[in-house]
């Protein structure tokens, strides 16, 4: 799981992992900056991995490694859905639904087809 909301919902995200799953907390869009009452033995009891991403650690070499990995393993990095700006409420509703998976794009200008 790529968790962009952060501490506010990380326990819920961890709950959705399968045994041996991985969660990367790389955003704090939920407005909460720290984890309260977090027992790693209990919360990670399904032998899952909690990792993080800090944008201050990005370098040209690391970015190239990522691109090489995507190319080598043919990782599908296309957005799941693309919406027009006037469909932004629909995009938001979709992202909050249980049917969403991955990222969506909201296009601002039509010329970027």
Protein backbone atom coordinates (compact mmCIF):
# COMPACT_ATOMS: atom_id res chain seq x y z
CA UNK A 1 0.00 0.00 0.00
CA UNK A 2 1.26 3.46 -0.88
CA UNK A 3 -0.23 5.51 1.96
CA UNK A 4 -0.48 9.21 1.16
CA UNK A 5 -2.82 10.09 4.03
CA UNK A 6 -0.36 9.16 6.76
CA UNK A 7 -0.78 8.72 10.51
CA UNK A 8 -4.50 9.55 10.56
CA UNK A 9 -5.38 6.33 8.66
CA UNK A 10 -2.23 4.22 8.72
CA UNK A 11 -3.66 1.67 11.19
CA UNK A 12 -6.60 1.12 8.85
CA UNK A 13 -4.26 0.77 5.87
CA UNK A 14 -2.14 -1.77 7.75
CA UNK A 15 -5.31 -3.74 8.56
CA UNK A 16 -5.88 -4.27 4.81
CA UNK A 17 -2.46 -5.84 4.19
CA UNK A 18 -2.06 -9.55 3.54
CA UNK A 19 0.53 -11.56 5.42
CA UNK A 20 3.96 -10.30 4.42
CA UNK A 21 2.48 -7.16 2.83
CA UNK A 22 4.27 -3.84 2.59
CA UNK A 23 3.01 -0.35 3.39
CA UNK A 24 4.96 2.77 2.52
CA UNK A 25 3.88 5.88 4.37
CA UNK A 26 4.93 8.75 2.12
CA UNK A 27 2.37 11.45 2.69
CA UNK A 28 0.68 13.31 5.46
CA UNK A 29 -2.44 14.58 3.75
CA UNK A 30 -4.59 13.69 6.77
CA UNK A 31 -3.31 16.61 8.83
CA UNK A 32 -1.92 14.36 11.55
CA UNK A 33 1.88 14.19 11.86
CA UNK A 34 2.55 11.42 14.40
CA UNK A 35 1.18 8.04 15.45
CA UNK A 36 -0.42 7.83 18.88
CA UNK A 37 -0.92 4.53 20.71
CA UNK A 38 0.96 2.50 18.11
CA UNK A 39 2.19 -0.92 19.27
CA UNK A 40 4.35 -2.30 16.43
CA UNK A 41 4.08 -5.90 17.69
CA UNK A 42 0.29 -5.79 17.60
CA UNK A 43 -0.20 -3.51 14.58
CA UNK A 44 2.31 -5.42 12.42
CA UNK A 45 1.36 -8.88 13.72
CA UNK A 46 0.75 -10.28 10.23
CA UNK A 47 4.50 -10.00 9.63
CA UNK A 48 4.02 -6.94 7.45
CA UNK A 49 6.57 -4.27 6.60
CA UNK A 50 6.16 -0.60 7.41
CA UNK A 51 8.41 1.65 5.34
CA UNK A 52 8.56 5.36 4.60
CA UNK A 53 9.58 7.73 1.85
CA UNK A 54 11.16 11.11 2.46
CA UNK A 55 11.52 13.36 -0.59
CA UNK A 56 14.73 14.83 0.83
CA UNK A 57 16.43 11.50 0.07
CA UNK A 58 15.82 11.63 -3.70
CA UNK A 59 18.82 11.73 -6.03
CA UNK A 60 19.39 11.31 -9.75
CA UNK A 61 20.82 7.84 -9.12
CA UNK A 62 17.82 6.68 -7.08
CA UNK A 63 15.40 8.07 -9.63
CA UNK A 64 17.24 6.24 -12.41
CA UNK A 65 17.09 3.00 -10.39
CA UNK A 66 13.32 3.42 -10.15
CA UNK A 67 12.98 4.02 -13.89
CA UNK A 68 15.20 1.01 -14.61
CA UNK A 69 13.06 -1.18 -12.32
CA UNK A 70 9.84 -0.05 -14.04
CA UNK A 71 11.33 -0.82 -17.45
CA UNK A 72 12.92 -4.15 -16.45
CA UNK A 73 9.79 -5.54 -14.80
CA UNK A 74 7.35 -3.77 -17.14
CA UNK A 75 5.48 -2.16 -14.22
CA UNK A 76 2.21 -0.63 -15.40
CA UNK A 77 2.41 2.98 -14.23
CA UNK A 78 -0.56 4.29 -16.18
CA UNK A 79 -3.24 6.11 -14.17
CA UNK A 80 -6.34 4.07 -13.45
CA UNK A 81 -8.75 6.73 -14.68
CA UNK A 82 -8.58 10.18 -16.27
CA UNK A 83 -11.22 12.83 -15.53
CA UNK A 84 -11.92 16.28 -16.94
CA UNK A 85 -11.78 19.24 -14.55
CA UNK A 86 -15.56 19.54 -14.52
CA UNK A 87 -15.68 15.89 -13.32
CA UNK A 88 -13.54 16.55 -10.24
CA UNK A 89 -16.35 15.67 -7.80
CA UNK A 90 -16.84 12.35 -9.60
CA UNK A 91 -13.08 11.70 -9.39
CA UNK A 92 -13.08 12.44 -5.66
CA UNK A 93 -16.09 10.18 -5.07
CA UNK A 94 -14.41 7.40 -7.03
CA UNK A 95 -11.16 7.70 -5.04
CA UNK A 96 -13.07 7.41 -1.77
CA UNK A 97 -15.00 4.35 -2.96
CA UNK A 98 -14.02 0.73 -2.45
CA UNK A 99 -13.72 0.34 -6.24
CA UNK A 100 -10.73 2.64 -6.59
CA UNK A 101 -7.21 1.31 -6.94
CA UNK A 102 -4.26 3.52 -7.67
CA UNK A 103 -4.19 7.08 -8.87
CA UNK A 104 -6.41 9.13 -11.14
CA UNK A 105 -5.63 12.23 -13.16
CA UNK A 106 -7.81 15.32 -13.44
CA UNK A 107 -6.98 17.14 -16.67
CA UNK A 108 -7.07 20.93 -16.52
CA UNK A 109 -6.83 21.56 -20.27
CA UNK A 110 -8.17 19.47 -23.12
CA UNK A 111 -5.09 20.04 -25.29
CA UNK A 112 -3.14 17.44 -23.26
CA UNK A 113 -4.95 14.46 -24.80
